[in-house]
Amino acid sequence: MAGLTHKATGSGSNYLCLTSDPQAASFPEDCDFLPGLLSGMGWEVYVTDRSKRTDHIDDKDIPCAVCLTKGKITLMTPGRTSCYTGWTKEYSGFLLSARNETGFVTTECVCADEDPECYGSHNYNHGLIHVLEVYCGSIPCFKYRDKTKLSCVVCSK
């Protein structure tokens, strides 16, 4: 998985799955530009988020998965662990994004599998991804408990 460095303030805001067989494009040599920055992403699991299922991934690189379903559409639904009637569950897990702190970049939210994987053992702290928590108020407190981790499910139809 690739995205911005964890303290970036520019460039894109979405995470990308990079191909394992890239093809380079040629850009004009006389083109002078200020590039954005794309970095590999790493798991960042704090003590309060640790469990037997997540302890092994802390400070490891994040692999990427793309769901391909021929003739189908996929939908990620936050706050659920099962699909609505008529949909097929591909996987469920928990929502992740960048850290919520001043000076950190805003990113998209992604649904990570409930049994996360890692590859490599680097800890460059370039791009970091964190578990999302719900803050109720404008999100109804009677449906979502305050400061709880948010589940997600990816379904196809």
N, C-alpha and C. Protein backbone atom coordinates (compact mmCIF):
# COMPACT_ATOMS: atom_id res chain seq x y z
N MET A 1 0.85 -1.17 0.00
CA MET A 1 0.00 0.00 0.00
C MET A 1 0.90 1.23 0.00
N ALA A 2 0.48 2.24 -0.71
CA ALA A 2 1.27 3.47 -0.79
C ALA A 2 0.37 4.67 -0.51
N GLY A 3 0.98 5.74 -0.03
CA GLY A 3 0.25 6.97 0.28
C GLY A 3 1.24 8.05 0.65
N LEU A 4 0.76 9.05 1.36
CA LEU A 4 1.61 10.16 1.77
C LEU A 4 2.42 9.81 3.01
N THR A 5 3.50 10.55 3.21
CA THR A 5 4.22 10.39 4.47
C THR A 5 3.31 10.91 5.58
N HIS A 6 3.51 10.45 6.80
CA HIS A 6 2.55 10.73 7.86
C HIS A 6 2.46 12.19 8.30
N LYS A 7 3.40 13.03 7.89
CA LYS A 7 3.30 14.45 8.23
C LYS A 7 3.22 15.34 7.00
N ALA A 8 2.87 14.76 5.85
CA ALA A 8 2.78 15.52 4.61
C ALA A 8 1.61 16.50 4.68
N THR A 9 1.73 17.61 3.98
CA THR A 9 0.64 18.59 3.95
C THR A 9 0.20 18.88 2.52
N GLY A 10 0.63 18.09 1.57
CA GLY A 10 0.24 18.27 0.18
C GLY A 10 0.17 16.93 -0.52
N SER A 11 0.00 16.93 -1.80
CA SER A 11 -0.13 15.74 -2.65
C SER A 11 -1.55 15.18 -2.55
N GLY A 12 -1.73 13.96 -3.03
CA GLY A 12 -3.05 13.32 -3.01
C GLY A 12 -3.43 12.90 -1.61
N SER A 13 -4.69 12.53 -1.43
CA SER A 13 -5.12 12.12 -0.10
C SER A 13 -5.57 10.67 -0.05
N ASN A 14 -5.55 9.98 -1.17
CA ASN A 14 -6.01 8.59 -1.16
C ASN A 14 -4.86 7.60 -1.11
N TYR A 15 -5.15 6.41 -0.59
CA TYR A 15 -4.18 5.33 -0.58
C TYR A 15 -4.20 4.63 -1.93
N LEU A 16 -3.08 4.08 -2.33
CA LEU A 16 -2.98 3.42 -3.63
C LEU A 16 -2.43 2.01 -3.48
N CYS A 17 -2.94 1.10 -4.28
CA CYS A 17 -2.35 -0.23 -4.42
C CYS A 17 -1.45 -0.16 -5.64
N LEU A 18 -0.14 -0.26 -5.43
CA LEU A 18 0.79 -0.19 -6.55
C LEU A 18 0.96 -1.56 -7.17
N THR A 19 1.14 -1.59 -8.48
CA THR A 19 1.31 -2.84 -9.20
C THR A 19 2.66 -3.47 -8.90
N SER A 20 2.74 -4.78 -9.02
CA SER A 20 4.02 -5.46 -8.80
C SER A 20 4.87 -5.48 -10.07
N ASP A 21 4.31 -5.02 -11.19
CA ASP A 21 5.08 -4.95 -12.44
C ASP A 21 4.90 -3.57 -13.09
N PRO A 22 5.51 -2.53 -12.49
CA PRO A 22 5.33 -1.16 -12.98
C PRO A 22 5.98 -0.96 -14.35
N GLN A 23 5.43 -0.01 -15.11
CA GLN A 23 5.99 0.41 -16.39
C GLN A 23 6.24 1.91 -16.30
N ALA A 24 7.47 2.33 -16.57
CA ALA A 24 7.83 3.74 -16.45
C ALA A 24 7.38 4.52 -17.68
N ALA A 25 6.96 5.74 -17.46
CA ALA A 25 6.62 6.66 -18.55
C ALA A 25 7.77 7.64 -18.73
N SER A 26 7.94 8.17 -19.95
CA SER A 26 8.98 9.17 -20.12
C SER A 26 8.40 10.57 -20.10
N PHE A 27 8.94 11.36 -19.22
CA PHE A 27 8.51 12.74 -19.10
C PHE A 27 9.52 13.63 -19.79
N PRO A 28 9.07 14.77 -20.35
CA PRO A 28 10.02 15.67 -21.02
C PRO A 28 11.11 16.12 -20.07
N GLU A 29 12.36 16.05 -20.54
CA GLU A 29 13.49 16.44 -19.69
C GLU A 29 13.49 17.92 -19.36
N ASP A 30 12.89 18.74 -20.23
CA ASP A 30 12.88 20.19 -19.98
C ASP A 30 11.71 20.61 -19.09
N CYS A 31 10.97 19.65 -18.59
CA CYS A 31 9.82 19.94 -17.73
C CYS A 31 10.31 20.03 -16.28
N ASP A 32 10.20 21.22 -15.70
CA ASP A 32 10.62 21.43 -14.32
C ASP A 32 9.36 21.49 -13.45
N PHE A 33 9.29 20.66 -12.46
CA PHE A 33 8.09 20.62 -11.63
C PHE A 33 8.45 20.31 -10.19
N LEU A 34 7.53 20.61 -9.31
CA LEU A 34 7.67 20.27 -7.90
C LEU A 34 6.80 19.05 -7.65
N PRO A 35 7.40 17.89 -7.47
CA PRO A 35 6.61 16.67 -7.38
C PRO A 35 5.93 16.48 -6.02
N GLY A 36 4.85 15.74 -6.05
CA GLY A 36 4.26 15.24 -4.82
C GLY A 36 5.10 14.06 -4.36
N LEU A 37 4.77 13.49 -3.24
CA LEU A 37 5.56 12.40 -2.68
C LEU A 37 4.66 11.21 -2.38
N LEU A 38 5.10 10.04 -2.80
CA LEU A 38 4.38 8.81 -2.52
C LEU A 38 5.30 7.89 -1.75
N SER A 39 4.80 7.30 -0.69
CA SER A 39 5.63 6.48 0.19
C SER A 39 4.92 5.17 0.50
N GLY A 40 5.69 4.17 0.89
CA GLY A 40 5.08 2.93 1.38
C GLY A 40 4.41 3.18 2.72
N MET A 41 3.43 2.37 3.04
CA MET A 41 2.68 2.55 4.28
C MET A 41 3.05 1.48 5.29
N GLY A 42 2.98 1.83 6.57
CA GLY A 42 3.30 0.90 7.64
C GLY A 42 2.21 0.87 8.70
N TRP A 43 2.03 -0.28 9.33
CA TRP A 43 1.08 -0.41 10.44
C TRP A 43 1.62 0.35 11.65
N GLU A 44 0.76 1.05 12.35
CA GLU A 44 1.12 1.72 13.60
C GLU A 44 0.08 1.33 14.63
N VAL A 45 0.41 0.37 15.49
CA VAL A 45 -0.53 -0.15 16.47
C VAL A 45 -0.10 0.31 17.86
N TYR A 46 -0.94 1.12 18.50
CA TYR A 46 -0.62 1.61 19.84
C TYR A 46 -0.98 0.57 20.89
N VAL A 47 -0.43 0.72 22.06
CA VAL A 47 -0.65 -0.22 23.16
C VAL A 47 -2.14 -0.46 23.39
N THR A 48 -2.95 0.60 23.34
CA THR A 48 -4.39 0.45 23.60
C THR A 48 -5.11 -0.30 22.49
N ASP A 49 -4.51 -0.38 21.30
CA ASP A 49 -5.14 -1.06 20.17
C ASP A 49 -4.66 -2.50 20.01
N ARG A 50 -3.71 -2.91 20.82
CA ARG A 50 -3.09 -4.23 20.63
C ARG A 50 -4.03 -5.36 21.02
N SER A 51 -3.92 -6.44 20.27
CA SER A 51 -4.61 -7.68 20.58
C SER A 51 -3.77 -8.80 19.99
N LYS A 52 -4.14 -10.04 20.25
CA LYS A 52 -3.39 -11.17 19.69
C LYS A 52 -3.42 -11.14 18.17
N ARG A 53 -4.51 -10.60 17.60
CA ARG A 53 -4.63 -10.57 16.14
C ARG A 53 -3.83 -9.44 15.50
N THR A 54 -3.49 -8.39 16.26
CA THR A 54 -2.80 -7.25 15.65
C THR A 54 -1.39 -7.01 16.16
N ASP A 55 -0.98 -7.65 17.23
CA ASP A 55 0.34 -7.38 17.82
C ASP A 55 1.49 -7.64 16.86
N HIS A 56 1.37 -8.66 16.01
CA HIS A 56 2.46 -9.05 15.11
C HIS A 56 2.68 -8.08 13.95
N ILE A 57 1.76 -7.14 13.70
CA ILE A 57 1.89 -6.27 12.53
C ILE A 57 2.50 -4.90 12.83
N ASP A 58 2.66 -4.54 14.10
CA ASP A 58 3.15 -3.21 14.45
C ASP A 58 4.49 -2.92 13.79
N ASP A 59 4.59 -1.75 13.17
CA ASP A 59 5.81 -1.27 12.50
C ASP A 59 6.23 -2.14 11.33
N LYS A 60 5.30 -2.85 10.72
CA LYS A 60 5.58 -3.66 9.53
C LYS A 60 4.95 -2.98 8.32
N ASP A 61 5.44 -3.31 7.13
CA ASP A 61 4.89 -2.77 5.89
C ASP A 61 3.53 -3.40 5.59
N ILE A 62 2.65 -2.62 4.95
CA ILE A 62 1.29 -3.07 4.67
C ILE A 62 1.19 -3.58 3.24
N PRO A 63 0.76 -4.84 3.06
CA PRO A 63 0.49 -5.32 1.71
C PRO A 63 -0.83 -4.72 1.21
N CYS A 64 -1.11 -4.87 -0.04
CA CYS A 64 -2.31 -4.28 -0.60
C CYS A 64 -3.13 -5.35 -1.30
N ALA A 65 -4.43 -5.23 -1.26
CA ALA A 65 -5.31 -6.16 -1.95
C ALA A 65 -6.35 -5.36 -2.73
N VAL A 66 -6.65 -5.84 -3.90
CA VAL A 66 -7.69 -5.23 -4.72
C VAL A 66 -8.74 -6.30 -4.98
N CYS A 67 -9.99 -5.99 -4.69
CA CYS A 67 -11.06 -6.94 -4.95
C CYS A 67 -11.46 -6.85 -6.41
N LEU A 68 -11.40 -7.97 -7.12
CA LEU A 68 -11.84 -8.04 -8.50
C LEU A 68 -12.97 -9.06 -8.56
N THR A 69 -14.12 -8.60 -8.93
CA THR A 69 -15.27 -9.49 -9.08
C THR A 69 -15.83 -9.25 -10.47
N LYS A 70 -15.77 -10.25 -11.33
CA LYS A 70 -16.24 -10.10 -12.71
C LYS A 70 -17.75 -9.90 -12.72
N GLY A 71 -18.16 -8.83 -13.40
CA GLY A 71 -19.58 -8.56 -13.56
C GLY A 71 -20.28 -8.18 -12.28
N LYS A 72 -19.53 -7.82 -11.24
CA LYS A 72 -20.13 -7.46 -9.95
C LYS A 72 -19.62 -6.09 -9.52
N ILE A 73 -20.29 -5.54 -8.55
CA ILE A 73 -19.80 -4.32 -7.91
C ILE A 73 -19.45 -4.65 -6.46
N THR A 74 -18.54 -3.88 -5.89
CA THR A 74 -18.22 -4.06 -4.48
C THR A 74 -18.60 -2.80 -3.72
N LEU A 75 -18.92 -2.98 -2.46
CA LEU A 75 -19.33 -1.87 -1.61
C LEU A 75 -18.73 -2.08 -0.23
N MET A 76 -18.05 -1.06 0.30
CA MET A 76 -17.53 -1.11 1.66
C MET A 76 -18.54 -0.38 2.54
N THR A 77 -19.01 -1.07 3.58
CA THR A 77 -19.99 -0.48 4.49
C THR A 77 -19.36 -0.33 5.87
N PRO A 78 -19.13 0.92 6.33
CA PRO A 78 -18.59 1.13 7.66
C PRO A 78 -19.64 0.83 8.73
N GLY A 79 -19.18 0.31 9.87
CA GLY A 79 -20.08 0.08 11.00
C GLY A 79 -20.82 -1.25 10.96
N ARG A 80 -20.48 -2.12 10.00
CA ARG A 80 -21.14 -3.43 9.92
C ARG A 80 -20.10 -4.53 9.79
N THR A 81 -20.48 -5.75 10.18
CA THR A 81 -19.61 -6.92 10.01
C THR A 81 -20.25 -7.93 9.07
N SER A 82 -21.50 -7.69 8.67
CA SER A 82 -22.18 -8.58 7.72
C SER A 82 -22.85 -7.74 6.64
N CYS A 83 -23.14 -8.39 5.53
CA CYS A 83 -23.75 -7.71 4.39
C CYS A 83 -25.27 -7.71 4.50
N TYR A 84 -25.89 -6.76 3.85
CA TYR A 84 -27.34 -6.73 3.76
C TYR A 84 -27.81 -7.85 2.83
N THR A 85 -29.07 -8.22 2.93
CA THR A 85 -29.65 -9.28 2.11
C THR A 85 -29.40 -9.01 0.63
N GLY A 86 -28.98 -10.05 -0.08
CA GLY A 86 -28.73 -9.93 -1.52
C GLY A 86 -27.28 -9.64 -1.86
N TRP A 87 -26.46 -9.37 -0.86
CA TRP A 87 -25.04 -9.08 -1.07
C TRP A 87 -24.21 -10.24 -0.54
N THR A 88 -23.02 -10.45 -1.12
CA THR A 88 -22.10 -11.51 -0.70
C THR A 88 -20.92 -10.90 0.04
N LYS A 89 -20.62 -11.43 1.21
CA LYS A 89 -19.50 -10.93 2.01
C LYS A 89 -18.17 -11.37 1.40
N GLU A 90 -17.29 -10.40 1.14
CA GLU A 90 -15.93 -10.69 0.67
C GLU A 90 -14.99 -10.78 1.87
N TYR A 91 -15.07 -9.80 2.76
CA TYR A 91 -14.33 -9.84 4.02
C TYR A 91 -14.87 -8.76 4.94
N SER A 92 -14.55 -8.87 6.23
CA SER A 92 -14.91 -7.83 7.19
C SER A 92 -13.67 -7.52 8.03
N GLY A 93 -13.71 -6.39 8.70
CA GLY A 93 -12.56 -5.99 9.50
C GLY A 93 -12.82 -4.69 10.22
N PHE A 94 -11.84 -3.77 10.12
CA PHE A 94 -11.95 -2.51 10.84
C PHE A 94 -11.45 -1.37 9.95
N LEU A 95 -11.98 -0.16 10.20
CA LEU A 95 -11.62 1.01 9.39
C LEU A 95 -10.30 1.61 9.83
N LEU A 96 -9.52 2.03 8.86
CA LEU A 96 -8.22 2.65 9.09
C LEU A 96 -8.12 3.95 8.30
N SER A 97 -7.29 4.86 8.79
CA SER A 97 -6.95 6.08 8.05
C SER A 97 -5.71 6.68 8.71
N ALA A 98 -5.37 7.89 8.30
CA ALA A 98 -4.26 8.59 8.95
C ALA A 98 -4.68 9.01 10.35
N ARG A 99 -3.70 9.37 11.13
CA ARG A 99 -3.91 9.80 12.51
C ARG A 99 -4.64 11.15 12.56
N ASN A 100 -5.48 11.33 13.55
CA ASN A 100 -6.21 12.59 13.72
C ASN A 100 -5.43 13.49 14.68
N GLU A 101 -4.56 14.29 14.12
CA GLU A 101 -3.73 15.18 14.94
C GLU A 101 -3.26 16.34 14.08
N THR A 102 -3.14 17.50 14.66
CA THR A 102 -2.66 18.67 13.94
C THR A 102 -1.31 18.38 13.30
N GLY A 103 -1.17 18.79 12.06
CA GLY A 103 0.09 18.58 11.35
C GLY A 103 0.14 17.28 10.57
N PHE A 104 -0.91 16.46 10.68
CA PHE A 104 -0.94 15.21 9.94
C PHE A 104 -1.88 15.35 8.75
N VAL A 105 -1.63 14.58 7.73
CA VAL A 105 -2.37 14.64 6.49
C VAL A 105 -3.75 13.98 6.63
N THR A 106 -4.72 14.45 5.85
CA THR A 106 -6.03 13.83 5.78
C THR A 106 -6.00 12.79 4.67
N THR A 107 -6.53 11.60 4.95
CA THR A 107 -6.53 10.53 3.95
C THR A 107 -7.91 9.91 3.85
N GLU A 108 -8.04 9.01 2.91
CA GLU A 108 -9.29 8.26 2.80
C GLU A 108 -9.33 7.19 3.89
N CYS A 109 -10.50 6.63 4.10
CA CYS A 109 -10.66 5.52 5.03
C CYS A 109 -10.64 4.22 4.22
N VAL A 110 -9.98 3.21 4.74
CA VAL A 110 -9.94 1.90 4.08
C VAL A 110 -10.37 0.83 5.07
N CYS A 111 -10.92 -0.25 4.55
CA CYS A 111 -11.36 -1.37 5.37
C CYS A 111 -10.27 -2.43 5.35
N ALA A 112 -9.66 -2.69 6.50
CA ALA A 112 -8.62 -3.72 6.61
C ALA A 112 -9.25 -5.01 7.08
N ASP A 113 -8.76 -6.12 6.57
CA ASP A 113 -9.24 -7.44 6.96
C ASP A 113 -9.07 -7.63 8.47
N GLU A 114 -9.99 -8.36 9.09
CA GLU A 114 -9.93 -8.57 10.54
C GLU A 114 -8.72 -9.39 10.96
N ASP A 115 -8.12 -10.12 10.05
CA ASP A 115 -6.87 -10.84 10.30
C ASP A 115 -5.79 -10.22 9.43
N PRO A 116 -5.26 -9.06 9.83
CA PRO A 116 -4.34 -8.31 8.97
C PRO A 116 -3.03 -9.04 8.74
N GLU A 117 -2.43 -8.74 7.60
CA GLU A 117 -1.15 -9.32 7.23
C GLU A 117 -0.12 -8.21 7.14
N CYS A 118 1.13 -8.60 7.06
CA CYS A 118 2.20 -7.63 6.85
C CYS A 118 3.26 -8.30 5.99
N TYR A 119 4.16 -7.50 5.50
CA TYR A 119 5.32 -8.04 4.80
C TYR A 119 6.50 -7.18 5.18
N GLY A 120 7.68 -7.74 5.11
CA GLY A 120 8.86 -6.97 5.48
C GLY A 120 8.88 -6.65 6.95
N SER A 121 9.97 -6.04 7.39
CA SER A 121 10.09 -5.69 8.80
C SER A 121 10.68 -4.30 8.96
N HIS A 122 10.42 -3.44 8.01
CA HIS A 122 10.96 -2.09 8.04
C HIS A 122 10.12 -1.20 8.95
N ASN A 123 10.75 -0.18 9.49
CA ASN A 123 10.03 0.81 10.28
C ASN A 123 10.56 2.18 9.89
N TYR A 124 10.24 2.59 8.65
CA TYR A 124 10.71 3.88 8.16
C TYR A 124 9.86 5.04 8.67
N ASN A 125 8.67 4.75 9.20
CA ASN A 125 7.73 5.78 9.63
C ASN A 125 7.42 6.79 8.53
N HIS A 126 7.41 6.34 7.28
CA HIS A 126 7.06 7.23 6.17
C HIS A 126 5.56 7.48 6.17
N GLY A 127 4.79 6.47 5.86
CA GLY A 127 3.34 6.57 5.87
C GLY A 127 2.80 5.65 6.95
N LEU A 128 1.95 6.15 7.80
CA LEU A 128 1.42 5.34 8.91
C LEU A 128 -0.09 5.30 8.82
N ILE A 129 -0.65 4.19 9.22
CA ILE A 129 -2.10 4.01 9.16
C ILE A 129 -2.58 3.59 10.55
N HIS A 130 -3.72 4.13 10.95
CA HIS A 130 -4.23 3.93 12.31
C HIS A 130 -5.68 3.48 12.29
N VAL A 131 -6.09 2.82 13.35
CA VAL A 131 -7.48 2.41 13.52
C VAL A 131 -8.33 3.65 13.78
N LEU A 132 -9.51 3.71 13.18
CA LEU A 132 -10.43 4.84 13.38
C LEU A 132 -11.32 4.61 14.60
N GLU A 133 -11.63 5.69 15.30
CA GLU A 133 -12.58 5.64 16.41
C GLU A 133 -13.77 6.53 16.08
N VAL A 134 -14.92 6.16 16.59
CA VAL A 134 -16.14 6.96 16.43
C VAL A 134 -16.23 7.96 17.57
N TYR A 135 -16.57 9.19 17.25
CA TYR A 135 -16.89 10.19 18.27
C TYR A 135 -18.36 10.53 18.08
N CYS A 136 -19.18 10.12 19.04
CA CYS A 136 -20.61 10.34 18.88
C CYS A 136 -20.96 11.78 19.24
N GLY A 137 -22.10 12.19 18.81
CA GLY A 137 -22.61 13.55 18.95
C GLY A 137 -23.47 13.77 17.72
N SER A 138 -22.85 14.26 16.63
CA SER A 138 -23.59 14.32 15.37
C SER A 138 -23.77 12.91 14.81
N ILE A 139 -22.88 11.98 15.18
CA ILE A 139 -23.12 10.55 14.94
C ILE A 139 -23.88 10.07 16.18
N PRO A 140 -25.05 9.46 16.03
CA PRO A 140 -25.91 9.14 17.18
C PRO A 140 -25.25 8.23 18.21
N CYS A 141 -25.19 8.70 19.45
CA CYS A 141 -24.57 7.94 20.54
C CYS A 141 -25.36 6.69 20.89
N PHE A 142 -26.66 6.67 20.63
CA PHE A 142 -27.45 5.48 20.96
C PHE A 142 -27.19 4.34 19.97
N LYS A 143 -26.58 4.65 18.82
CA LYS A 143 -26.24 3.61 17.85
C LYS A 143 -24.76 3.27 17.87
N TYR A 144 -23.92 4.27 18.08
CA TYR A 144 -22.46 4.09 18.08
C TYR A 144 -21.90 4.52 19.42
N ARG A 145 -21.16 3.65 20.09
CA ARG A 145 -20.55 4.01 21.37
C ARG A 145 -19.38 4.95 21.12
N ASP A 146 -19.26 5.97 21.96
CA ASP A 146 -18.20 6.96 21.83
C ASP A 146 -16.82 6.32 21.98
N LYS A 147 -15.89 6.74 21.14
CA LYS A 147 -14.49 6.31 21.17
C LYS A 147 -14.31 4.81 21.03
N THR A 148 -15.13 4.18 20.19
CA THR A 148 -14.96 2.76 19.90
C THR A 148 -14.43 2.59 18.48
N LYS A 149 -13.74 1.49 18.25
CA LYS A 149 -13.21 1.18 16.93
C LYS A 149 -14.39 0.85 16.01
N LEU A 150 -14.27 1.24 14.75
CA LEU A 150 -15.38 1.06 13.82
C LEU A 150 -15.13 -0.13 12.90
N SER A 151 -16.08 -1.05 12.88
CA SER A 151 -15.99 -2.22 12.00
C SER A 151 -16.34 -1.82 10.57
N CYS A 152 -16.10 -2.75 9.64
CA CYS A 152 -16.46 -2.53 8.25
C CYS A 152 -16.59 -3.88 7.56
N VAL A 153 -17.33 -3.90 6.46
CA VAL A 153 -17.48 -5.11 5.67
C VAL A 153 -17.42 -4.72 4.19
N VAL A 154 -16.80 -5.57 3.38
CA VAL A 154 -16.77 -5.38 1.93
C VAL A 154 -17.66 -6.46 1.33
N CYS A 155 -18.66 -6.01 0.57
CA CYS A 155 -19.66 -6.91 0.00
C CYS A 155 -19.69 -6.77 -1.52
N SER A 156 -20.12 -7.82 -2.21
CA SER A 156 -20.26 -7.76 -3.66
C SER A 156 -21.66 -8.18 -4.05
N LYS A 157 -22.06 -7.73 -5.26
CA LYS A 157 -23.40 -8.06 -5.76
C LYS A 157 -23.35 -8.16 -7.27
